[in-house]
Amino acid sequence: LVDVVRSILAIAPSEWVLAFAALWV
């Protein structure tokens, strides 16, 4: 899981972080 997350994060759009944070909220 850690390896998959790292691989996907490497190519995820930079603004994706904001959407991900919103889902956390």
PDBML (XML) file of the C-alpha atoms, coordinates in Angstrom:
<?xml version="1.0" encoding="UTF-8" ?>
<PDBx:datablock datablockName="MODEL"
   xmlns:PDBx="http://pdbml.pdb.org/schema/pdbx-v50.xsd"
   xmlns:xsi="http://www.w3.org/2001/XMLSchema-instance"
   xsi:schemaLocation="http://pdbml.pdb.org/schema/pdbx-v50.xsd pdbx-v50.xsd">
   <PDBx:atom_siteCategory>
      <PDBx:atom_site id="1">
         <PDBx:B_iso_or_equiv>0.00</PDBx:B_iso_or_equiv>
         <PDBx:Cartn_x>0.000</PDBx:Cartn_x>
         <PDBx:Cartn_y>0.000</PDBx:Cartn_y>
         <PDBx:Cartn_z>0.000</PDBx:Cartn_z>
         <PDBx:auth_asym_id>A</PDBx:auth_asym_id>
         <PDBx:auth_atom_id>CA</PDBx:auth_atom_id>
         <PDBx:auth_comp_id>LEU</PDBx:auth_comp_id>
         <PDBx:auth_seq_id>1</PDBx:auth_seq_id>
         <PDBx:group_PDB>ATOM</PDBx:group_PDB>
         <PDBx:label_alt_id xsi:nil="true" />
         <PDBx:label_asym_id>A</PDBx:label_asym_id>
         <PDBx:label_atom_id>CA</PDBx:label_atom_id>
         <PDBx:label_comp_id>LEU</PDBx:label_comp_id>
         <PDBx:label_entity_id>1</PDBx:label_entity_id>
         <PDBx:label_seq_id>1</PDBx:label_seq_id>
         <PDBx:occupancy>1.00</PDBx:occupancy>
         <PDBx:pdbx_PDB_model_num>1</PDBx:pdbx_PDB_model_num>
         <PDBx:type_symbol>C</PDBx:type_symbol>
      </PDBx:atom_site>
      <PDBx:atom_site id="2">
         <PDBx:B_iso_or_equiv>0.00</PDBx:B_iso_or_equiv>
         <PDBx:Cartn_x>2.801</PDBx:Cartn_x>
         <PDBx:Cartn_y>2.430</PDBx:Cartn_y>
         <PDBx:Cartn_z>0.902</PDBx:Cartn_z>
         <PDBx:auth_asym_id>A</PDBx:auth_asym_id>
         <PDBx:auth_atom_id>CA</PDBx:auth_atom_id>
         <PDBx:auth_comp_id>VAL</PDBx:auth_comp_id>
         <PDBx:auth_seq_id>2</PDBx:auth_seq_id>
         <PDBx:group_PDB>ATOM</PDBx:group_PDB>
         <PDBx:label_alt_id xsi:nil="true" />
         <PDBx:label_asym_id>A</PDBx:label_asym_id>
         <PDBx:label_atom_id>CA</PDBx:label_atom_id>
         <PDBx:label_comp_id>VAL</PDBx:label_comp_id>
         <PDBx:label_entity_id>1</PDBx:label_entity_id>
         <PDBx:label_seq_id>2</PDBx:label_seq_id>
         <PDBx:occupancy>1.00</PDBx:occupancy>
         <PDBx:pdbx_PDB_model_num>1</PDBx:pdbx_PDB_model_num>
         <PDBx:type_symbol>C</PDBx:type_symbol>
      </PDBx:atom_site>
      <PDBx:atom_site id="3">
         <PDBx:B_iso_or_equiv>0.00</PDBx:B_iso_or_equiv>
         <PDBx:Cartn_x>4.533</PDBx:Cartn_x>
         <PDBx:Cartn_y>1.725</PDBx:Cartn_y>
         <PDBx:Cartn_z>-2.404</PDBx:Cartn_z>
         <PDBx:auth_asym_id>A</PDBx:auth_asym_id>
         <PDBx:auth_atom_id>CA</PDBx:auth_atom_id>
         <PDBx:auth_comp_id>ASP</PDBx:auth_comp_id>
         <PDBx:auth_seq_id>3</PDBx:auth_seq_id>
         <PDBx:group_PDB>ATOM</PDBx:group_PDB>
         <PDBx:label_alt_id xsi:nil="true" />
         <PDBx:label_asym_id>A</PDBx:label_asym_id>
         <PDBx:label_atom_id>CA</PDBx:label_atom_id>
         <PDBx:label_comp_id>ASP</PDBx:label_comp_id>
         <PDBx:label_entity_id>1</PDBx:label_entity_id>
         <PDBx:label_seq_id>3</PDBx:label_seq_id>
         <PDBx:occupancy>1.00</PDBx:occupancy>
         <PDBx:pdbx_PDB_model_num>1</PDBx:pdbx_PDB_model_num>
         <PDBx:type_symbol>C</PDBx:type_symbol>
      </PDBx:atom_site>
      <PDBx:atom_site id="4">
         <PDBx:B_iso_or_equiv>0.00</PDBx:B_iso_or_equiv>
         <PDBx:Cartn_x>1.318</PDBx:Cartn_x>
         <PDBx:Cartn_y>2.179</PDBx:Cartn_y>
         <PDBx:Cartn_z>-4.401</PDBx:Cartn_z>
         <PDBx:auth_asym_id>A</PDBx:auth_asym_id>
         <PDBx:auth_atom_id>CA</PDBx:auth_atom_id>
         <PDBx:auth_comp_id>VAL</PDBx:auth_comp_id>
         <PDBx:auth_seq_id>4</PDBx:auth_seq_id>
         <PDBx:group_PDB>ATOM</PDBx:group_PDB>
         <PDBx:label_alt_id xsi:nil="true" />
         <PDBx:label_asym_id>A</PDBx:label_asym_id>
         <PDBx:label_atom_id>CA</PDBx:label_atom_id>
         <PDBx:label_comp_id>VAL</PDBx:label_comp_id>
         <PDBx:label_entity_id>1</PDBx:label_entity_id>
         <PDBx:label_seq_id>4</PDBx:label_seq_id>
         <PDBx:occupancy>1.00</PDBx:occupancy>
         <PDBx:pdbx_PDB_model_num>1</PDBx:pdbx_PDB_model_num>
         <PDBx:type_symbol>C</PDBx:type_symbol>
      </PDBx:atom_site>
      <PDBx:atom_site id="5">
         <PDBx:B_iso_or_equiv>0.00</PDBx:B_iso_or_equiv>
         <PDBx:Cartn_x>0.558</PDBx:Cartn_x>
         <PDBx:Cartn_y>5.460</PDBx:Cartn_y>
         <PDBx:Cartn_z>-2.615</PDBx:Cartn_z>
         <PDBx:auth_asym_id>A</PDBx:auth_asym_id>
         <PDBx:auth_atom_id>CA</PDBx:auth_atom_id>
         <PDBx:auth_comp_id>VAL</PDBx:auth_comp_id>
         <PDBx:auth_seq_id>5</PDBx:auth_seq_id>
         <PDBx:group_PDB>ATOM</PDBx:group_PDB>
         <PDBx:label_alt_id xsi:nil="true" />
         <PDBx:label_asym_id>A</PDBx:label_asym_id>
         <PDBx:label_atom_id>CA</PDBx:label_atom_id>
         <PDBx:label_comp_id>VAL</PDBx:label_comp_id>
         <PDBx:label_entity_id>1</PDBx:label_entity_id>
         <PDBx:label_seq_id>5</PDBx:label_seq_id>
         <PDBx:occupancy>1.00</PDBx:occupancy>
         <PDBx:pdbx_PDB_model_num>1</PDBx:pdbx_PDB_model_num>
         <PDBx:type_symbol>C</PDBx:type_symbol>
      </PDBx:atom_site>
      <PDBx:atom_site id="6">
         <PDBx:B_iso_or_equiv>0.00</PDBx:B_iso_or_equiv>
         <PDBx:Cartn_x>4.069</PDBx:Cartn_x>
         <PDBx:Cartn_y>6.752</PDBx:Cartn_y>
         <PDBx:Cartn_z>-3.381</PDBx:Cartn_z>
         <PDBx:auth_asym_id>A</PDBx:auth_asym_id>
         <PDBx:auth_atom_id>CA</PDBx:auth_atom_id>
         <PDBx:auth_comp_id>ARG</PDBx:auth_comp_id>
         <PDBx:auth_seq_id>6</PDBx:auth_seq_id>
         <PDBx:group_PDB>ATOM</PDBx:group_PDB>
         <PDBx:label_alt_id xsi:nil="true" />
         <PDBx:label_asym_id>A</PDBx:label_asym_id>
         <PDBx:label_atom_id>CA</PDBx:label_atom_id>
         <PDBx:label_comp_id>ARG</PDBx:label_comp_id>
         <PDBx:label_entity_id>1</PDBx:label_entity_id>
         <PDBx:label_seq_id>6</PDBx:label_seq_id>
         <PDBx:occupancy>1.00</PDBx:occupancy>
         <PDBx:pdbx_PDB_model_num>1</PDBx:pdbx_PDB_model_num>
         <PDBx:type_symbol>C</PDBx:type_symbol>
      </PDBx:atom_site>
      <PDBx:atom_site id="7">
         <PDBx:B_iso_or_equiv>0.00</PDBx:B_iso_or_equiv>
         <PDBx:Cartn_x>3.801</PDBx:Cartn_x>
         <PDBx:Cartn_y>5.783</PDBx:Cartn_y>
         <PDBx:Cartn_z>-7.047</PDBx:Cartn_z>
         <PDBx:auth_asym_id>A</PDBx:auth_asym_id>
         <PDBx:auth_atom_id>CA</PDBx:auth_atom_id>
         <PDBx:auth_comp_id>SER</PDBx:auth_comp_id>
         <PDBx:auth_seq_id>7</PDBx:auth_seq_id>
         <PDBx:group_PDB>ATOM</PDBx:group_PDB>
         <PDBx:label_alt_id xsi:nil="true" />
         <PDBx:label_asym_id>A</PDBx:label_asym_id>
         <PDBx:label_atom_id>CA</PDBx:label_atom_id>
         <PDBx:label_comp_id>SER</PDBx:label_comp_id>
         <PDBx:label_entity_id>1</PDBx:label_entity_id>
         <PDBx:label_seq_id>7</PDBx:label_seq_id>
         <PDBx:occupancy>1.00</PDBx:occupancy>
         <PDBx:pdbx_PDB_model_num>1</PDBx:pdbx_PDB_model_num>
         <PDBx:type_symbol>C</PDBx:type_symbol>
      </PDBx:atom_site>
      <PDBx:atom_site id="8">
         <PDBx:B_iso_or_equiv>0.00</PDBx:B_iso_or_equiv>
         <PDBx:Cartn_x>0.405</PDBx:Cartn_x>
         <PDBx:Cartn_y>7.418</PDBx:Cartn_y>
         <PDBx:Cartn_z>-7.482</PDBx:Cartn_z>
         <PDBx:auth_asym_id>A</PDBx:auth_asym_id>
         <PDBx:auth_atom_id>CA</PDBx:auth_atom_id>
         <PDBx:auth_comp_id>ILE</PDBx:auth_comp_id>
         <PDBx:auth_seq_id>8</PDBx:auth_seq_id>
         <PDBx:group_PDB>ATOM</PDBx:group_PDB>
         <PDBx:label_alt_id xsi:nil="true" />
         <PDBx:label_asym_id>A</PDBx:label_asym_id>
         <PDBx:label_atom_id>CA</PDBx:label_atom_id>
         <PDBx:label_comp_id>ILE</PDBx:label_comp_id>
         <PDBx:label_entity_id>1</PDBx:label_entity_id>
         <PDBx:label_seq_id>8</PDBx:label_seq_id>
         <PDBx:occupancy>1.00</PDBx:occupancy>
         <PDBx:pdbx_PDB_model_num>1</PDBx:pdbx_PDB_model_num>
         <PDBx:type_symbol>C</PDBx:type_symbol>
      </PDBx:atom_site>
      <PDBx:atom_site id="9">
         <PDBx:B_iso_or_equiv>0.00</PDBx:B_iso_or_equiv>
         <PDBx:Cartn_x>1.393</PDBx:Cartn_x>
         <PDBx:Cartn_y>10.548</PDBx:Cartn_y>
         <PDBx:Cartn_z>-5.563</PDBx:Cartn_z>
         <PDBx:auth_asym_id>A</PDBx:auth_asym_id>
         <PDBx:auth_atom_id>CA</PDBx:auth_atom_id>
         <PDBx:auth_comp_id>LEU</PDBx:auth_comp_id>
         <PDBx:auth_seq_id>9</PDBx:auth_seq_id>
         <PDBx:group_PDB>ATOM</PDBx:group_PDB>
         <PDBx:label_alt_id xsi:nil="true" />
         <PDBx:label_asym_id>A</PDBx:label_asym_id>
         <PDBx:label_atom_id>CA</PDBx:label_atom_id>
         <PDBx:label_comp_id>LEU</PDBx:label_comp_id>
         <PDBx:label_entity_id>1</PDBx:label_entity_id>
         <PDBx:label_seq_id>9</PDBx:label_seq_id>
         <PDBx:occupancy>1.00</PDBx:occupancy>
         <PDBx:pdbx_PDB_model_num>1</PDBx:pdbx_PDB_model_num>
         <PDBx:type_symbol>C</PDBx:type_symbol>
      </PDBx:atom_site>
      <PDBx:atom_site id="10">
         <PDBx:B_iso_or_equiv>0.00</PDBx:B_iso_or_equiv>
         <PDBx:Cartn_x>4.349</PDBx:Cartn_x>
         <PDBx:Cartn_y>10.985</PDBx:Cartn_y>
         <PDBx:Cartn_z>-7.900</PDBx:Cartn_z>
         <PDBx:auth_asym_id>A</PDBx:auth_asym_id>
         <PDBx:auth_atom_id>CA</PDBx:auth_atom_id>
         <PDBx:auth_comp_id>ALA</PDBx:auth_comp_id>
         <PDBx:auth_seq_id>10</PDBx:auth_seq_id>
         <PDBx:group_PDB>ATOM</PDBx:group_PDB>
         <PDBx:label_alt_id xsi:nil="true" />
         <PDBx:label_asym_id>A</PDBx:label_asym_id>
         <PDBx:label_atom_id>CA</PDBx:label_atom_id>
         <PDBx:label_comp_id>ALA</PDBx:label_comp_id>
         <PDBx:label_entity_id>1</PDBx:label_entity_id>
         <PDBx:label_seq_id>10</PDBx:label_seq_id>
         <PDBx:occupancy>1.00</PDBx:occupancy>
         <PDBx:pdbx_PDB_model_num>1</PDBx:pdbx_PDB_model_num>
         <PDBx:type_symbol>C</PDBx:type_symbol>
      </PDBx:atom_site>
      <PDBx:atom_site id="11">
         <PDBx:B_iso_or_equiv>0.00</PDBx:B_iso_or_equiv>
         <PDBx:Cartn_x>2.011</PDBx:Cartn_x>
         <PDBx:Cartn_y>11.568</PDBx:Cartn_y>
         <PDBx:Cartn_z>-10.860</PDBx:Cartn_z>
         <PDBx:auth_asym_id>A</PDBx:auth_asym_id>
         <PDBx:auth_atom_id>CA</PDBx:auth_atom_id>
         <PDBx:auth_comp_id>ILE</PDBx:auth_comp_id>
         <PDBx:auth_seq_id>11</PDBx:auth_seq_id>
         <PDBx:group_PDB>ATOM</PDBx:group_PDB>
         <PDBx:label_alt_id xsi:nil="true" />
         <PDBx:label_asym_id>A</PDBx:label_asym_id>
         <PDBx:label_atom_id>CA</PDBx:label_atom_id>
         <PDBx:label_comp_id>ILE</PDBx:label_comp_id>
         <PDBx:label_entity_id>1</PDBx:label_entity_id>
         <PDBx:label_seq_id>11</PDBx:label_seq_id>
         <PDBx:occupancy>1.00</PDBx:occupancy>
         <PDBx:pdbx_PDB_model_num>1</PDBx:pdbx_PDB_model_num>
         <PDBx:type_symbol>C</PDBx:type_symbol>
      </PDBx:atom_site>
      <PDBx:atom_site id="12">
         <PDBx:B_iso_or_equiv>0.00</PDBx:B_iso_or_equiv>
         <PDBx:Cartn_x>-1.053</PDBx:Cartn_x>
         <PDBx:Cartn_y>13.051</PDBx:Cartn_y>
         <PDBx:Cartn_z>-9.115</PDBx:Cartn_z>
         <PDBx:auth_asym_id>A</PDBx:auth_asym_id>
         <PDBx:auth_atom_id>CA</PDBx:auth_atom_id>
         <PDBx:auth_comp_id>ALA</PDBx:auth_comp_id>
         <PDBx:auth_seq_id>12</PDBx:auth_seq_id>
         <PDBx:group_PDB>ATOM</PDBx:group_PDB>
         <PDBx:label_alt_id xsi:nil="true" />
         <PDBx:label_asym_id>A</PDBx:label_asym_id>
         <PDBx:label_atom_id>CA</PDBx:label_atom_id>
         <PDBx:label_comp_id>ALA</PDBx:label_comp_id>
         <PDBx:label_entity_id>1</PDBx:label_entity_id>
         <PDBx:label_seq_id>12</PDBx:label_seq_id>
         <PDBx:occupancy>1.00</PDBx:occupancy>
         <PDBx:pdbx_PDB_model_num>1</PDBx:pdbx_PDB_model_num>
         <PDBx:type_symbol>C</PDBx:type_symbol>
      </PDBx:atom_site>
      <PDBx:atom_site id="13">
         <PDBx:B_iso_or_equiv>0.00</PDBx:B_iso_or_equiv>
         <PDBx:Cartn_x>-1.985</PDBx:Cartn_x>
         <PDBx:Cartn_y>16.644</PDBx:Cartn_y>
         <PDBx:Cartn_z>-10.051</PDBx:Cartn_z>
         <PDBx:auth_asym_id>A</PDBx:auth_asym_id>
         <PDBx:auth_atom_id>CA</PDBx:auth_atom_id>
         <PDBx:auth_comp_id>PRO</PDBx:auth_comp_id>
         <PDBx:auth_seq_id>13</PDBx:auth_seq_id>
         <PDBx:group_PDB>ATOM</PDBx:group_PDB>
         <PDBx:label_alt_id xsi:nil="true" />
         <PDBx:label_asym_id>A</PDBx:label_asym_id>
         <PDBx:label_atom_id>CA</PDBx:label_atom_id>
         <PDBx:label_comp_id>PRO</PDBx:label_comp_id>
         <PDBx:label_entity_id>1</PDBx:label_entity_id>
         <PDBx:label_seq_id>13</PDBx:label_seq_id>
         <PDBx:occupancy>1.00</PDBx:occupancy>
         <PDBx:pdbx_PDB_model_num>1</PDBx:pdbx_PDB_model_num>
         <PDBx:type_symbol>C</PDBx:type_symbol>
      </PDBx:atom_site>
      <PDBx:atom_site id="14">
         <PDBx:B_iso_or_equiv>0.00</PDBx:B_iso_or_equiv>
         <PDBx:Cartn_x>-0.574</PDBx:Cartn_x>
         <PDBx:Cartn_y>19.182</PDBx:Cartn_y>
         <PDBx:Cartn_z>-7.587</PDBx:Cartn_z>
         <PDBx:auth_asym_id>A</PDBx:auth_asym_id>
         <PDBx:auth_atom_id>CA</PDBx:auth_atom_id>
         <PDBx:auth_comp_id>SER</PDBx:auth_comp_id>
         <PDBx:auth_seq_id>14</PDBx:auth_seq_id>
         <PDBx:group_PDB>ATOM</PDBx:group_PDB>
         <PDBx:label_alt_id xsi:nil="true" />
         <PDBx:label_asym_id>A</PDBx:label_asym_id>
         <PDBx:label_atom_id>CA</PDBx:label_atom_id>
         <PDBx:label_comp_id>SER</PDBx:label_comp_id>
         <PDBx:label_entity_id>1</PDBx:label_entity_id>
         <PDBx:label_seq_id>14</PDBx:label_seq_id>
         <PDBx:occupancy>1.00</PDBx:occupancy>
         <PDBx:pdbx_PDB_model_num>1</PDBx:pdbx_PDB_model_num>
         <PDBx:type_symbol>C</PDBx:type_symbol>
      </PDBx:atom_site>
      <PDBx:atom_site id="15">
         <PDBx:B_iso_or_equiv>0.00</PDBx:B_iso_or_equiv>
         <PDBx:Cartn_x>-4.014</PDBx:Cartn_x>
         <PDBx:Cartn_y>20.656</PDBx:Cartn_y>
         <PDBx:Cartn_z>-6.891</PDBx:Cartn_z>
         <PDBx:auth_asym_id>A</PDBx:auth_asym_id>
         <PDBx:auth_atom_id>CA</PDBx:auth_atom_id>
         <PDBx:auth_comp_id>GLU</PDBx:auth_comp_id>
         <PDBx:auth_seq_id>15</PDBx:auth_seq_id>
         <PDBx:group_PDB>ATOM</PDBx:group_PDB>
         <PDBx:label_alt_id xsi:nil="true" />
         <PDBx:label_asym_id>A</PDBx:label_asym_id>
         <PDBx:label_atom_id>CA</PDBx:label_atom_id>
         <PDBx:label_comp_id>GLU</PDBx:label_comp_id>
         <PDBx:label_entity_id>1</PDBx:label_entity_id>
         <PDBx:label_seq_id>15</PDBx:label_seq_id>
         <PDBx:occupancy>1.00</PDBx:occupancy>
         <PDBx:pdbx_PDB_model_num>1</PDBx:pdbx_PDB_model_num>
         <PDBx:type_symbol>C</PDBx:type_symbol>
      </PDBx:atom_site>
      <PDBx:atom_site id="16">
         <PDBx:B_iso_or_equiv>0.00</PDBx:B_iso_or_equiv>
         <PDBx:Cartn_x>-5.229</PDBx:Cartn_x>
         <PDBx:Cartn_y>17.155</PDBx:Cartn_y>
         <PDBx:Cartn_z>-5.989</PDBx:Cartn_z>
         <PDBx:auth_asym_id>A</PDBx:auth_asym_id>
         <PDBx:auth_atom_id>CA</PDBx:auth_atom_id>
         <PDBx:auth_comp_id>TRP</PDBx:auth_comp_id>
         <PDBx:auth_seq_id>16</PDBx:auth_seq_id>
         <PDBx:group_PDB>ATOM</PDBx:group_PDB>
         <PDBx:label_alt_id xsi:nil="true" />
         <PDBx:label_asym_id>A</PDBx:label_asym_id>
         <PDBx:label_atom_id>CA</PDBx:label_atom_id>
         <PDBx:label_comp_id>TRP</PDBx:label_comp_id>
         <PDBx:label_entity_id>1</PDBx:label_entity_id>
         <PDBx:label_seq_id>16</PDBx:label_seq_id>
         <PDBx:occupancy>1.00</PDBx:occupancy>
         <PDBx:pdbx_PDB_model_num>1</PDBx:pdbx_PDB_model_num>
         <PDBx:type_symbol>C</PDBx:type_symbol>
      </PDBx:atom_site>
      <PDBx:atom_site id="17">
         <PDBx:B_iso_or_equiv>0.00</PDBx:B_iso_or_equiv>
         <PDBx:Cartn_x>-3.828</PDBx:Cartn_x>
         <PDBx:Cartn_y>17.758</PDBx:Cartn_y>
         <PDBx:Cartn_z>-2.504</PDBx:Cartn_z>
         <PDBx:auth_asym_id>A</PDBx:auth_asym_id>
         <PDBx:auth_atom_id>CA</PDBx:auth_atom_id>
         <PDBx:auth_comp_id>VAL</PDBx:auth_comp_id>
         <PDBx:auth_seq_id>17</PDBx:auth_seq_id>
         <PDBx:group_PDB>ATOM</PDBx:group_PDB>
         <PDBx:label_alt_id xsi:nil="true" />
         <PDBx:label_asym_id>A</PDBx:label_asym_id>
         <PDBx:label_atom_id>CA</PDBx:label_atom_id>
         <PDBx:label_comp_id>VAL</PDBx:label_comp_id>
         <PDBx:label_entity_id>1</PDBx:label_entity_id>
         <PDBx:label_seq_id>17</PDBx:label_seq_id>
         <PDBx:occupancy>1.00</PDBx:occupancy>
         <PDBx:pdbx_PDB_model_num>1</PDBx:pdbx_PDB_model_num>
         <PDBx:type_symbol>C</PDBx:type_symbol>
      </PDBx:atom_site>
      <PDBx:atom_site id="18">
         <PDBx:B_iso_or_equiv>0.00</PDBx:B_iso_or_equiv>
         <PDBx:Cartn_x>-6.487</PDBx:Cartn_x>
         <PDBx:Cartn_y>20.417</PDBx:Cartn_y>
         <PDBx:Cartn_z>-1.868</PDBx:Cartn_z>
         <PDBx:auth_asym_id>A</PDBx:auth_asym_id>
         <PDBx:auth_atom_id>CA</PDBx:auth_atom_id>
         <PDBx:auth_comp_id>LEU</PDBx:auth_comp_id>
         <PDBx:auth_seq_id>18</PDBx:auth_seq_id>
         <PDBx:group_PDB>ATOM</PDBx:group_PDB>
         <PDBx:label_alt_id xsi:nil="true" />
         <PDBx:label_asym_id>A</PDBx:label_asym_id>
         <PDBx:label_atom_id>CA</PDBx:label_atom_id>
         <PDBx:label_comp_id>LEU</PDBx:label_comp_id>
         <PDBx:label_entity_id>1</PDBx:label_entity_id>
         <PDBx:label_seq_id>18</PDBx:label_seq_id>
         <PDBx:occupancy>1.00</PDBx:occupancy>
         <PDBx:pdbx_PDB_model_num>1</PDBx:pdbx_PDB_model_num>
         <PDBx:type_symbol>C</PDBx:type_symbol>
      </PDBx:atom_site>
      <PDBx:atom_site id="19">
         <PDBx:B_iso_or_equiv>0.00</PDBx:B_iso_or_equiv>
         <PDBx:Cartn_x>-9.295</PDBx:Cartn_x>
         <PDBx:Cartn_y>18.100</PDBx:Cartn_y>
         <PDBx:Cartn_z>-2.933</PDBx:Cartn_z>
         <PDBx:auth_asym_id>A</PDBx:auth_asym_id>
         <PDBx:auth_atom_id>CA</PDBx:auth_atom_id>
         <PDBx:auth_comp_id>ALA</PDBx:auth_comp_id>
         <PDBx:auth_seq_id>19</PDBx:auth_seq_id>
         <PDBx:group_PDB>ATOM</PDBx:group_PDB>
         <PDBx:label_alt_id xsi:nil="true" />
         <PDBx:label_asym_id>A</PDBx:label_asym_id>
         <PDBx:label_atom_id>CA</PDBx:label_atom_id>
         <PDBx:label_comp_id>ALA</PDBx:label_comp_id>
         <PDBx:label_entity_id>1</PDBx:label_entity_id>
         <PDBx:label_seq_id>19</PDBx:label_seq_id>
         <PDBx:occupancy>1.00</PDBx:occupancy>
         <PDBx:pdbx_PDB_model_num>1</PDBx:pdbx_PDB_model_num>
         <PDBx:type_symbol>C</PDBx:type_symbol>
      </PDBx:atom_site>
      <PDBx:atom_site id="20">
         <PDBx:B_iso_or_equiv>0.00</PDBx:B_iso_or_equiv>
         <PDBx:Cartn_x>-7.813</PDBx:Cartn_x>
         <PDBx:Cartn_y>15.323</PDBx:Cartn_y>
         <PDBx:Cartn_z>-0.792</PDBx:Cartn_z>
         <PDBx:auth_asym_id>A</PDBx:auth_asym_id>
         <PDBx:auth_atom_id>CA</PDBx:auth_atom_id>
         <PDBx:auth_comp_id>PHE</PDBx:auth_comp_id>
         <PDBx:auth_seq_id>20</PDBx:auth_seq_id>
         <PDBx:group_PDB>ATOM</PDBx:group_PDB>
         <PDBx:label_alt_id xsi:nil="true" />
         <PDBx:label_asym_id>A</PDBx:label_asym_id>
         <PDBx:label_atom_id>CA</PDBx:label_atom_id>
         <PDBx:label_comp_id>PHE</PDBx:label_comp_id>
         <PDBx:label_entity_id>1</PDBx:label_entity_id>
         <PDBx:label_seq_id>20</PDBx:label_seq_id>
         <PDBx:occupancy>1.00</PDBx:occupancy>
         <PDBx:pdbx_PDB_model_num>1</PDBx:pdbx_PDB_model_num>
         <PDBx:type_symbol>C</PDBx:type_symbol>
      </PDBx:atom_site>
      <PDBx:atom_site id="21">
         <PDBx:B_iso_or_equiv>0.00</PDBx:B_iso_or_equiv>
         <PDBx:Cartn_x>-7.641</PDBx:Cartn_x>
         <PDBx:Cartn_y>17.662</PDBx:Cartn_y>
         <PDBx:Cartn_z>2.219</PDBx:Cartn_z>
         <PDBx:auth_asym_id>A</PDBx:auth_asym_id>
         <PDBx:auth_atom_id>CA</PDBx:auth_atom_id>
         <PDBx:auth_comp_id>ALA</PDBx:auth_comp_id>
         <PDBx:auth_seq_id>21</PDBx:auth_seq_id>
         <PDBx:group_PDB>ATOM</PDBx:group_PDB>
         <PDBx:label_alt_id xsi:nil="true" />
         <PDBx:label_asym_id>A</PDBx:label_asym_id>
         <PDBx:label_atom_id>CA</PDBx:label_atom_id>
         <PDBx:label_comp_id>ALA</PDBx:label_comp_id>
         <PDBx:label_entity_id>1</PDBx:label_entity_id>
         <PDBx:label_seq_id>21</PDBx:label_seq_id>
         <PDBx:occupancy>1.00</PDBx:occupancy>
         <PDBx:pdbx_PDB_model_num>1</PDBx:pdbx_PDB_model_num>
         <PDBx:type_symbol>C</PDBx:type_symbol>
      </PDBx:atom_site>
      <PDBx:atom_site id="22">
         <PDBx:B_iso_or_equiv>0.00</PDBx:B_iso_or_equiv>
         <PDBx:Cartn_x>-11.263</PDBx:Cartn_x>
         <PDBx:Cartn_y>18.641</PDBx:Cartn_y>
         <PDBx:Cartn_z>1.625</PDBx:Cartn_z>
         <PDBx:auth_asym_id>A</PDBx:auth_asym_id>
         <PDBx:auth_atom_id>CA</PDBx:auth_atom_id>
         <PDBx:auth_comp_id>ALA</PDBx:auth_comp_id>
         <PDBx:auth_seq_id>22</PDBx:auth_seq_id>
         <PDBx:group_PDB>ATOM</PDBx:group_PDB>
         <PDBx:label_alt_id xsi:nil="true" />
         <PDBx:label_asym_id>A</PDBx:label_asym_id>
         <PDBx:label_atom_id>CA</PDBx:label_atom_id>
         <PDBx:label_comp_id>ALA</PDBx:label_comp_id>
         <PDBx:label_entity_id>1</PDBx:label_entity_id>
         <PDBx:label_seq_id>22</PDBx:label_seq_id>
         <PDBx:occupancy>1.00</PDBx:occupancy>
         <PDBx:pdbx_PDB_model_num>1</PDBx:pdbx_PDB_model_num>
         <PDBx:type_symbol>C</PDBx:type_symbol>
      </PDBx:atom_site>
      <PDBx:atom_site id="23">
         <PDBx:B_iso_or_equiv>0.00</PDBx:B_iso_or_equiv>
         <PDBx:Cartn_x>-12.279</PDBx:Cartn_x>
         <PDBx:Cartn_y>14.987</PDBx:Cartn_y>
         <PDBx:Cartn_z>1.755</PDBx:Cartn_z>
         <PDBx:auth_asym_id>A</PDBx:auth_asym_id>
         <PDBx:auth_atom_id>CA</PDBx:auth_atom_id>
         <PDBx:auth_comp_id>LEU</PDBx:auth_comp_id>
         <PDBx:auth_seq_id>23</PDBx:auth_seq_id>
         <PDBx:group_PDB>ATOM</PDBx:group_PDB>
         <PDBx:label_alt_id xsi:nil="true" />
         <PDBx:label_asym_id>A</PDBx:label_asym_id>
         <PDBx:label_atom_id>CA</PDBx:label_atom_id>
         <PDBx:label_comp_id>LEU</PDBx:label_comp_id>
         <PDBx:label_entity_id>1</PDBx:label_entity_id>
         <PDBx:label_seq_id>23</PDBx:label_seq_id>
         <PDBx:occupancy>1.00</PDBx:occupancy>
         <PDBx:pdbx_PDB_model_num>1</PDBx:pdbx_PDB_model_num>
         <PDBx:type_symbol>C</PDBx:type_symbol>
      </PDBx:atom_site>
      <PDBx:atom_site id="24">
         <PDBx:B_iso_or_equiv>0.00</PDBx:B_iso_or_equiv>
         <PDBx:Cartn_x>-10.424</PDBx:Cartn_x>
         <PDBx:Cartn_y>14.651</PDBx:Cartn_y>
         <PDBx:Cartn_z>5.069</PDBx:Cartn_z>
         <PDBx:auth_asym_id>A</PDBx:auth_asym_id>
         <PDBx:auth_atom_id>CA</PDBx:auth_atom_id>
         <PDBx:auth_comp_id>TRP</PDBx:auth_comp_id>
         <PDBx:auth_seq_id>24</PDBx:auth_seq_id>
         <PDBx:group_PDB>ATOM</PDBx:group_PDB>
         <PDBx:label_alt_id xsi:nil="true" />
         <PDBx:label_asym_id>A</PDBx:label_asym_id>
         <PDBx:label_atom_id>CA</PDBx:label_atom_id>
         <PDBx:label_comp_id>TRP</PDBx:label_comp_id>
         <PDBx:label_entity_id>1</PDBx:label_entity_id>
         <PDBx:label_seq_id>24</PDBx:label_seq_id>
         <PDBx:occupancy>1.00</PDBx:occupancy>
         <PDBx:pdbx_PDB_model_num>1</PDBx:pdbx_PDB_model_num>
         <PDBx:type_symbol>C</PDBx:type_symbol>
      </PDBx:atom_site>
      <PDBx:atom_site id="25">
         <PDBx:B_iso_or_equiv>0.00</PDBx:B_iso_or_equiv>
         <PDBx:Cartn_x>-12.497</PDBx:Cartn_x>
         <PDBx:Cartn_y>17.535</PDBx:Cartn_y>
         <PDBx:Cartn_z>6.409</PDBx:Cartn_z>
         <PDBx:auth_asym_id>A</PDBx:auth_asym_id>
         <PDBx:auth_atom_id>CA</PDBx:auth_atom_id>
         <PDBx:auth_comp_id>VAL</PDBx:auth_comp_id>
         <PDBx:auth_seq_id>25</PDBx:auth_seq_id>
         <PDBx:group_PDB>ATOM</PDBx:group_PDB>
         <PDBx:label_alt_id xsi:nil="true" />
         <PDBx:label_asym_id>A</PDBx:label_asym_id>
         <PDBx:label_atom_id>CA</PDBx:label_atom_id>
         <PDBx:label_comp_id>VAL</PDBx:label_comp_id>
         <PDBx:label_entity_id>1</PDBx:label_entity_id>
         <PDBx:label_seq_id>25</PDBx:label_seq_id>
         <PDBx:occupancy>1.00</PDBx:occupancy>
         <PDBx:pdbx_PDB_model_num>1</PDBx:pdbx_PDB_model_num>
         <PDBx:type_symbol>C</PDBx:type_symbol>
      </PDBx:atom_site>
   </PDBx:atom_siteCategory>
</PDBx:datablock>
